[in-house]
Amino acid sequence: MKVIEPVTAIELQQYYTLRWKILRAPWNQPRGSERDALDSCSTHLMVVADNRKVIAAGRLHFNSIREAQLRYMAVDLQQQRKGVGTLLLQALEQRAVTLGAAHIILDARECALRFYRKNGYVAQGAGHVLFNTITHVQMTKSLDNLNRPASAAHS
């Protein structure tokens, strides 16, 4: 499996289909609800299996010059708890660092809190409630450790 940026029409269609399937379909939301106005100015990454099937998707955008935000993290149900989400998360964080972010924020569904905590995120407070049922928690992570040059990291 590997992380790629969807660029072809087919890759983008597969990317958005997974986002809809995991994040919207279980709540009977229509296709198209997995997209928003920031998609056009965001970085999109996805994990593809060896057979090129999309098994994870996530988006990165910037709220300010130093603050990145993750949204729409989705991992195929059969691939969860196999390191796929961590692989995608690390790739999105590295992209944020490359683009100049000092920290990253996200709103995590309560069922994903353990995953984000395990990956260094800290809860900051209550987030929004999606579809009147899905509670989120605002989380943040400093990217300082990722920002250090490799030589400084080994001192």
N, C-alpha and C. Protein backbone atom coordinates (compact mmCIF):
# COMPACT_ATOMS: atom_id res chain seq x y z
N MET A 1 0.85 -1.18 0.00
CA MET A 1 0.00 0.00 0.00
C MET A 1 0.89 1.23 0.00
N LYS A 2 0.33 2.32 -0.56
CA LYS A 2 1.09 3.56 -0.59
C LYS A 2 0.15 4.76 -0.55
N VAL A 3 0.72 5.90 -0.15
CA VAL A 3 -0.02 7.15 -0.09
C VAL A 3 0.21 7.90 -1.39
N ILE A 4 -0.88 8.34 -2.00
CA ILE A 4 -0.78 9.13 -3.23
C ILE A 4 -1.72 10.33 -3.15
N GLU A 5 -1.49 11.28 -4.01
CA GLU A 5 -2.40 12.42 -4.16
C GLU A 5 -3.29 12.12 -5.35
N PRO A 6 -4.61 12.10 -5.17
CA PRO A 6 -5.48 11.79 -6.30
C PRO A 6 -5.42 12.92 -7.34
N VAL A 7 -5.17 12.56 -8.59
CA VAL A 7 -5.08 13.59 -9.63
C VAL A 7 -5.96 13.29 -10.83
N THR A 8 -6.14 12.03 -11.16
CA THR A 8 -6.98 11.70 -12.31
C THR A 8 -8.45 11.75 -11.90
N ALA A 9 -9.32 11.84 -12.88
CA ALA A 9 -10.75 11.87 -12.60
C ALA A 9 -11.20 10.60 -11.88
N ILE A 10 -10.64 9.46 -12.25
CA ILE A 10 -11.00 8.19 -11.60
C ILE A 10 -10.52 8.17 -10.16
N GLU A 11 -9.29 8.60 -9.91
CA GLU A 11 -8.77 8.64 -8.53
C GLU A 11 -9.60 9.57 -7.66
N LEU A 12 -9.95 10.74 -8.19
CA LEU A 12 -10.77 11.69 -7.42
C LEU A 12 -12.15 11.11 -7.13
N GLN A 13 -12.72 10.44 -8.09
CA GLN A 13 -14.04 9.83 -7.89
C GLN A 13 -13.96 8.77 -6.80
N GLN A 14 -12.91 7.94 -6.82
CA GLN A 14 -12.73 6.91 -5.79
C GLN A 14 -12.49 7.53 -4.42
N TYR A 15 -11.72 8.60 -4.39
CA TYR A 15 -11.43 9.33 -3.15
C TYR A 15 -12.72 9.84 -2.52
N TYR A 16 -13.52 10.57 -3.31
CA TYR A 16 -14.76 11.13 -2.78
C TYR A 16 -15.78 10.04 -2.45
N THR A 17 -15.78 8.95 -3.20
CA THR A 17 -16.70 7.84 -2.90
C THR A 17 -16.39 7.25 -1.52
N LEU A 18 -15.11 7.06 -1.21
CA LEU A 18 -14.76 6.52 0.11
C LEU A 18 -15.17 7.51 1.20
N ARG A 19 -14.91 8.80 1.00
CA ARG A 19 -15.32 9.80 2.00
C ARG A 19 -16.82 9.71 2.25
N TRP A 20 -17.60 9.62 1.19
CA TRP A 20 -19.06 9.54 1.33
C TRP A 20 -19.46 8.24 2.04
N LYS A 21 -18.88 7.13 1.58
CA LYS A 21 -19.24 5.80 2.11
C LYS A 21 -19.00 5.71 3.62
N ILE A 22 -17.88 6.25 4.10
CA ILE A 22 -17.53 6.12 5.52
C ILE A 22 -18.13 7.24 6.37
N LEU A 23 -18.12 8.46 5.86
CA LEU A 23 -18.47 9.63 6.68
C LEU A 23 -19.89 10.15 6.49
N ARG A 24 -20.59 9.74 5.45
CA ARG A 24 -21.91 10.30 5.19
C ARG A 24 -23.00 9.24 5.00
N ALA A 25 -22.73 8.20 4.22
CA ALA A 25 -23.76 7.20 3.91
C ALA A 25 -24.39 6.56 5.14
N PRO A 26 -23.61 6.24 6.19
CA PRO A 26 -24.25 5.62 7.37
C PRO A 26 -25.32 6.50 8.03
N TRP A 27 -25.31 7.79 7.73
CA TRP A 27 -26.30 8.72 8.29
C TRP A 27 -27.27 9.19 7.22
N ASN A 28 -27.38 8.38 6.15
CA ASN A 28 -28.32 8.65 5.06
C ASN A 28 -28.16 10.03 4.43
N GLN A 29 -26.93 10.48 4.35
CA GLN A 29 -26.64 11.77 3.72
C GLN A 29 -26.41 11.54 2.21
N PRO A 30 -26.84 12.49 1.40
CA PRO A 30 -26.73 12.30 -0.05
C PRO A 30 -25.30 12.44 -0.55
N ARG A 31 -25.03 11.85 -1.71
CA ARG A 31 -23.74 12.06 -2.36
C ARG A 31 -23.60 13.55 -2.61
N GLY A 32 -22.40 14.03 -2.44
CA GLY A 32 -22.14 15.46 -2.54
C GLY A 32 -21.96 16.09 -1.17
N SER A 33 -22.56 15.47 -0.14
CA SER A 33 -22.43 16.00 1.22
C SER A 33 -21.03 15.77 1.78
N GLU A 34 -20.23 14.94 1.11
CA GLU A 34 -18.85 14.67 1.54
C GLU A 34 -17.88 15.72 1.01
N ARG A 35 -18.39 16.73 0.34
CA ARG A 35 -17.56 17.79 -0.23
C ARG A 35 -17.93 19.14 0.37
N ASP A 36 -17.00 20.09 0.29
CA ASP A 36 -17.32 21.45 0.71
C ASP A 36 -16.50 22.44 -0.12
N ALA A 37 -16.71 23.71 0.14
CA ALA A 37 -16.09 24.77 -0.67
C ALA A 37 -14.57 24.80 -0.56
N LEU A 38 -13.99 24.24 0.51
CA LEU A 38 -12.53 24.28 0.67
C LEU A 38 -11.82 23.16 -0.08
N ASP A 39 -12.57 22.22 -0.64
CA ASP A 39 -11.93 21.12 -1.36
C ASP A 39 -11.03 21.62 -2.50
N SER A 40 -11.44 22.67 -3.17
CA SER A 40 -10.68 23.13 -4.33
C SER A 40 -9.34 23.76 -3.97
N CYS A 41 -9.17 24.18 -2.73
CA CYS A 41 -7.91 24.81 -2.31
C CYS A 41 -7.22 24.01 -1.20
N SER A 42 -7.46 22.70 -1.20
CA SER A 42 -6.92 21.83 -0.17
C SER A 42 -5.99 20.78 -0.78
N THR A 43 -5.24 20.13 0.10
CA THR A 43 -4.41 19.00 -0.29
C THR A 43 -5.18 17.74 0.05
N HIS A 44 -5.29 16.84 -0.92
CA HIS A 44 -6.00 15.58 -0.72
C HIS A 44 -5.00 14.44 -0.86
N LEU A 45 -5.00 13.54 0.10
CA LEU A 45 -4.15 12.35 0.03
C LEU A 45 -5.02 11.13 0.27
N MET A 46 -4.58 10.00 -0.30
CA MET A 46 -5.31 8.76 -0.09
C MET A 46 -4.32 7.60 -0.06
N VAL A 47 -4.73 6.55 0.61
CA VAL A 47 -3.94 5.33 0.65
C VAL A 47 -4.58 4.35 -0.31
N VAL A 48 -3.76 3.78 -1.17
CA VAL A 48 -4.25 2.76 -2.09
C VAL A 48 -3.56 1.43 -1.76
N ALA A 49 -4.33 0.38 -1.86
CA ALA A 49 -3.79 -0.97 -1.65
C ALA A 49 -3.00 -1.37 -2.89
N ASP A 50 -2.33 -2.50 -2.80
CA ASP A 50 -1.53 -2.98 -3.93
C ASP A 50 -2.36 -3.18 -5.18
N ASN A 51 -3.67 -3.43 -5.02
CA ASN A 51 -4.56 -3.60 -6.18
C ASN A 51 -5.15 -2.26 -6.65
N ARG A 52 -4.63 -1.15 -6.10
CA ARG A 52 -5.02 0.24 -6.43
C ARG A 52 -6.37 0.64 -5.84
N LYS A 53 -6.98 -0.21 -5.02
CA LYS A 53 -8.23 0.15 -4.36
C LYS A 53 -7.94 1.22 -3.30
N VAL A 54 -8.76 2.25 -3.26
CA VAL A 54 -8.62 3.30 -2.26
C VAL A 54 -9.12 2.77 -0.92
N ILE A 55 -8.24 2.82 0.10
CA ILE A 55 -8.62 2.28 1.41
C ILE A 55 -8.61 3.34 2.52
N ALA A 56 -8.15 4.55 2.19
CA ALA A 56 -8.19 5.65 3.16
C ALA A 56 -8.10 6.96 2.41
N ALA A 57 -8.70 8.00 2.99
CA ALA A 57 -8.69 9.32 2.38
C ALA A 57 -8.65 10.38 3.47
N GLY A 58 -8.05 11.52 3.17
CA GLY A 58 -8.01 12.63 4.12
C GLY A 58 -7.65 13.92 3.42
N ARG A 59 -8.03 15.02 4.04
CA ARG A 59 -7.81 16.34 3.46
C ARG A 59 -7.09 17.26 4.43
N LEU A 60 -6.24 18.11 3.87
CA LEU A 60 -5.49 19.11 4.64
C LEU A 60 -5.74 20.47 4.01
N HIS A 61 -6.10 21.44 4.84
CA HIS A 61 -6.17 22.82 4.36
C HIS A 61 -5.60 23.73 5.44
N PHE A 62 -5.37 24.97 5.07
CA PHE A 62 -4.78 25.93 6.00
C PHE A 62 -5.82 26.95 6.43
N ASN A 63 -5.88 27.22 7.75
CA ASN A 63 -6.73 28.28 8.30
C ASN A 63 -5.97 29.59 8.38
N SER A 64 -4.65 29.49 8.50
CA SER A 64 -3.75 30.65 8.50
C SER A 64 -2.40 30.15 7.99
N ILE A 65 -1.45 31.04 7.91
CA ILE A 65 -0.16 30.66 7.35
C ILE A 65 0.54 29.57 8.17
N ARG A 66 0.26 29.46 9.47
CA ARG A 66 0.93 28.48 10.33
C ARG A 66 0.00 27.42 10.90
N GLU A 67 -1.31 27.54 10.63
CA GLU A 67 -2.26 26.56 11.18
C GLU A 67 -2.92 25.75 10.08
N ALA A 68 -2.64 24.45 10.11
CA ALA A 68 -3.26 23.51 9.18
C ALA A 68 -4.43 22.81 9.87
N GLN A 69 -5.37 22.34 9.08
CA GLN A 69 -6.50 21.60 9.63
C GLN A 69 -6.73 20.34 8.82
N LEU A 70 -6.97 19.24 9.54
CA LEU A 70 -7.33 17.98 8.91
C LEU A 70 -8.84 17.84 8.92
N ARG A 71 -9.38 17.32 7.82
CA ARG A 71 -10.81 17.03 7.75
C ARG A 71 -11.02 15.79 6.90
N TYR A 72 -12.16 15.22 7.05
CA TYR A 72 -12.61 14.11 6.21
C TYR A 72 -11.67 12.91 6.21
N MET A 73 -11.11 12.59 7.37
CA MET A 73 -10.30 11.37 7.48
C MET A 73 -11.25 10.17 7.45
N ALA A 74 -11.00 9.27 6.52
CA ALA A 74 -11.85 8.09 6.37
C ALA A 74 -10.99 6.88 6.03
N VAL A 75 -11.22 5.78 6.74
CA VAL A 75 -10.52 4.53 6.46
C VAL A 75 -11.57 3.46 6.23
N ASP A 76 -11.42 2.71 5.14
CA ASP A 76 -12.33 1.63 4.83
C ASP A 76 -12.50 0.74 6.07
N LEU A 77 -13.72 0.35 6.36
CA LEU A 77 -13.99 -0.40 7.59
C LEU A 77 -13.16 -1.67 7.71
N GLN A 78 -12.91 -2.36 6.61
CA GLN A 78 -12.13 -3.59 6.66
C GLN A 78 -10.64 -3.34 6.86
N GLN A 79 -10.22 -2.09 6.73
CA GLN A 79 -8.79 -1.74 6.86
C GLN A 79 -8.47 -1.06 8.19
N GLN A 80 -9.49 -0.79 9.00
CA GLN A 80 -9.24 -0.10 10.26
C GLN A 80 -8.46 -0.99 11.22
N ARG A 81 -7.66 -0.36 12.05
CA ARG A 81 -6.81 -1.02 13.05
C ARG A 81 -5.69 -1.86 12.41
N LYS A 82 -5.26 -1.43 11.23
CA LYS A 82 -4.17 -2.11 10.53
C LYS A 82 -3.03 -1.15 10.19
N GLY A 83 -3.06 0.06 10.75
CA GLY A 83 -2.01 1.04 10.49
C GLY A 83 -2.24 1.94 9.30
N VAL A 84 -3.33 1.74 8.59
CA VAL A 84 -3.62 2.53 7.39
C VAL A 84 -3.89 3.99 7.75
N GLY A 85 -4.70 4.20 8.79
CA GLY A 85 -5.00 5.56 9.22
C GLY A 85 -3.76 6.30 9.70
N THR A 86 -2.90 5.60 10.42
CA THR A 86 -1.66 6.21 10.90
C THR A 86 -0.76 6.59 9.72
N LEU A 87 -0.67 5.73 8.74
CA LEU A 87 0.12 6.02 7.54
C LEU A 87 -0.38 7.29 6.86
N LEU A 88 -1.68 7.39 6.69
CA LEU A 88 -2.27 8.57 6.06
C LEU A 88 -2.07 9.82 6.92
N LEU A 89 -2.31 9.69 8.21
CA LEU A 89 -2.16 10.82 9.12
C LEU A 89 -0.73 11.35 9.09
N GLN A 90 0.24 10.47 9.13
CA GLN A 90 1.64 10.91 9.09
C GLN A 90 1.98 11.60 7.77
N ALA A 91 1.42 11.12 6.68
CA ALA A 91 1.66 11.76 5.38
C ALA A 91 1.03 13.15 5.33
N LEU A 92 -0.17 13.30 5.87
CA LEU A 92 -0.81 14.61 5.92
C LEU A 92 -0.05 15.57 6.82
N GLU A 93 0.42 15.07 7.96
CA GLU A 93 1.23 15.91 8.86
C GLU A 93 2.52 16.35 8.17
N GLN A 94 3.17 15.44 7.48
CA GLN A 94 4.41 15.79 6.81
C GLN A 94 4.17 16.82 5.71
N ARG A 95 3.05 16.69 5.02
CA ARG A 95 2.71 17.68 4.00
C ARG A 95 2.47 19.05 4.65
N ALA A 96 1.81 19.05 5.81
CA ALA A 96 1.58 20.30 6.53
C ALA A 96 2.90 20.96 6.90
N VAL A 97 3.86 20.17 7.38
CA VAL A 97 5.18 20.69 7.73
C VAL A 97 5.86 21.27 6.49
N THR A 98 5.83 20.53 5.40
CA THR A 98 6.44 20.98 4.15
C THR A 98 5.86 22.31 3.69
N LEU A 99 4.57 22.50 3.94
CA LEU A 99 3.89 23.74 3.53
C LEU A 99 4.00 24.85 4.57
N GLY A 100 4.70 24.58 5.69
CA GLY A 100 4.98 25.63 6.67
C GLY A 100 4.14 25.67 7.92
N ALA A 101 3.34 24.67 8.18
CA ALA A 101 2.49 24.68 9.38
C ALA A 101 3.31 24.48 10.65
N ALA A 102 2.92 25.20 11.70
CA ALA A 102 3.53 25.03 13.02
C ALA A 102 2.71 24.07 13.88
N HIS A 103 1.41 24.03 13.61
CA HIS A 103 0.54 23.10 14.34
C HIS A 103 -0.63 22.71 13.44
N ILE A 104 -1.31 21.68 13.89
CA ILE A 104 -2.43 21.16 13.12
C ILE A 104 -3.61 20.98 14.06
N ILE A 105 -4.80 21.26 13.56
CA ILE A 105 -6.02 21.09 14.35
C ILE A 105 -6.96 20.15 13.61
N LEU A 106 -7.92 19.61 14.36
CA LEU A 106 -8.96 18.78 13.76
C LEU A 106 -10.11 18.67 14.74
N ASP A 107 -11.25 18.27 14.23
CA ASP A 107 -12.40 17.93 15.06
C ASP A 107 -12.60 16.43 14.93
N ALA A 108 -12.36 15.71 16.01
CA ALA A 108 -12.42 14.24 15.99
C ALA A 108 -13.77 13.76 16.49
N ARG A 109 -14.30 12.78 15.79
CA ARG A 109 -15.48 12.10 16.30
C ARG A 109 -15.06 11.37 17.57
N GLU A 110 -15.98 11.25 18.51
CA GLU A 110 -15.64 10.60 19.79
C GLU A 110 -15.07 9.20 19.59
N CYS A 111 -15.55 8.48 18.59
CA CYS A 111 -15.06 7.12 18.37
C CYS A 111 -13.61 7.10 17.87
N ALA A 112 -13.06 8.25 17.46
CA ALA A 112 -11.69 8.32 16.94
C ALA A 112 -10.72 8.97 17.92
N LEU A 113 -11.19 9.34 19.09
CA LEU A 113 -10.33 10.04 20.05
C LEU A 113 -9.09 9.24 20.42
N ARG A 114 -9.22 7.97 20.67
CA ARG A 114 -8.08 7.13 21.05
C ARG A 114 -7.02 7.12 19.94
N PHE A 115 -7.46 7.01 18.70
CA PHE A 115 -6.56 7.02 17.56
C PHE A 115 -5.75 8.32 17.52
N TYR A 116 -6.42 9.45 17.65
CA TYR A 116 -5.70 10.73 17.57
C TYR A 116 -4.81 10.94 18.79
N ARG A 117 -5.27 10.57 19.96
CA ARG A 117 -4.41 10.68 21.16
C ARG A 117 -3.14 9.85 20.99
N LYS A 118 -3.29 8.64 20.48
CA LYS A 118 -2.15 7.75 20.26
C LYS A 118 -1.15 8.40 19.29
N ASN A 119 -1.64 9.26 18.43
CA ASN A 119 -0.78 9.92 17.44
C ASN A 119 -0.38 11.33 17.85
N GLY A 120 -0.50 11.65 19.14
CA GLY A 120 0.04 12.89 19.68
C GLY A 120 -0.90 14.08 19.73
N TYR A 121 -2.16 13.90 19.45
CA TYR A 121 -3.12 15.01 19.50
C TYR A 121 -3.67 15.16 20.91
N VAL A 122 -3.97 16.41 21.26
CA VAL A 122 -4.46 16.73 22.59
C VAL A 122 -5.83 17.41 22.46
N ALA A 123 -6.78 16.96 23.26
CA ALA A 123 -8.12 17.55 23.24
C ALA A 123 -8.07 18.99 23.74
N GLN A 124 -8.80 19.86 23.07
CA GLN A 124 -8.86 21.27 23.43
C GLN A 124 -10.23 21.70 23.91
N GLY A 125 -11.24 20.91 23.63
CA GLY A 125 -12.59 21.27 24.05
C GLY A 125 -13.62 20.66 23.12
N ALA A 126 -14.87 21.00 23.39
CA ALA A 126 -15.97 20.46 22.61
C ALA A 126 -15.93 21.00 21.18
N GLY A 127 -16.27 20.15 20.26
CA GLY A 127 -16.39 20.54 18.86
C GLY A 127 -17.86 20.59 18.48
N HIS A 128 -18.10 20.53 17.20
CA HIS A 128 -19.47 20.61 16.70
C HIS A 128 -20.18 19.25 16.82
N VAL A 129 -21.48 19.27 16.60
CA VAL A 129 -22.28 18.05 16.57
C VAL A 129 -22.82 17.93 15.14
N LEU A 130 -22.45 16.86 14.48
CA LEU A 130 -22.83 16.65 13.09
C LEU A 130 -24.11 15.83 13.01
N PHE A 131 -25.03 16.25 12.16
CA PHE A 131 -26.31 15.55 11.95
C PHE A 131 -27.08 15.36 13.25
N ASN A 132 -26.88 16.26 14.19
CA ASN A 132 -27.54 16.22 15.51
C ASN A 132 -27.25 14.97 16.31
N THR A 133 -26.22 14.19 15.91
CA THR A 133 -25.93 12.95 16.64
C THR A 133 -24.45 12.65 16.84
N ILE A 134 -23.58 13.19 15.99
CA ILE A 134 -22.17 12.81 16.03
C ILE A 134 -21.37 13.92 16.72
N THR A 135 -21.00 13.66 17.97
CA THR A 135 -20.25 14.63 18.76
C THR A 135 -18.78 14.61 18.37
N HIS A 136 -18.21 15.80 18.28
CA HIS A 136 -16.79 15.95 17.95
C HIS A 136 -16.05 16.65 19.09
N VAL A 137 -14.74 16.43 19.14
CA VAL A 137 -13.86 17.08 20.11
C VAL A 137 -12.77 17.79 19.32
N GLN A 138 -12.52 19.05 19.64
CA GLN A 138 -11.44 19.79 19.00
C GLN A 138 -10.11 19.28 19.55
N MET A 139 -9.17 19.02 18.64
CA MET A 139 -7.86 18.51 19.04
C MET A 139 -6.78 19.28 18.29
N THR A 140 -5.57 19.27 18.86
CA THR A 140 -4.46 19.96 18.23
C THR A 140 -3.17 19.17 18.45
N LYS A 141 -2.20 19.45 17.60
CA LYS A 141 -0.89 18.84 17.73
C LYS A 141 0.15 19.83 17.22
N SER A 142 1.19 20.03 18.01
CA SER A 142 2.32 20.85 17.57
C SER A 142 3.14 20.03 16.58
N LEU A 143 3.59 20.68 15.54
CA LEU A 143 4.42 20.00 14.55
C LEU A 143 5.89 20.34 14.73
N ASP A 144 6.25 20.91 15.88
CA ASP A 144 7.64 21.30 16.14
C ASP A 144 8.61 20.15 15.95
N ASN A 145 8.27 18.97 16.46
CA ASN A 145 9.18 17.83 16.33
C ASN A 145 9.36 17.44 14.87
N LEU A 146 8.32 17.60 14.07
CA LEU A 146 8.43 17.28 12.65
C LEU A 146 9.14 18.39 11.89
N ASN A 147 9.14 19.61 12.46
CA ASN A 147 9.77 20.76 11.79
C ASN A 147 11.28 20.76 11.94
N ARG A 148 11.79 20.05 12.95
CA ARG A 148 13.24 20.08 13.19
C ARG A 148 14.00 19.41 12.06
N PRO A 149 15.12 19.98 11.66
CA PRO A 149 15.95 19.30 10.66
C PRO A 149 16.43 17.96 11.20
N ALA A 150 16.69 17.02 10.33
CA ALA A 150 17.09 15.67 10.74
C ALA A 150 18.31 15.69 11.64
N SER A 151 19.26 16.57 11.40
CA SER A 151 20.47 16.62 12.22
C SER A 151 20.15 17.04 13.66
N ALA A 152 19.18 17.94 13.83
CA ALA A 152 18.80 18.38 15.17
C ALA A 152 18.02 17.31 15.91
N ALA A 153 17.28 16.50 15.17
CA ALA A 153 16.49 15.47 15.80
C ALA A 153 17.33 14.38 16.43
N HIS A 154 18.57 14.22 15.97
CA HIS A 154 19.43 13.16 16.51
C HIS A 154 20.43 13.66 17.53
N SER A 155 20.37 14.94 17.92
CA SER A 155 21.34 15.45 18.89
C SER A 155 20.97 15.09 20.30
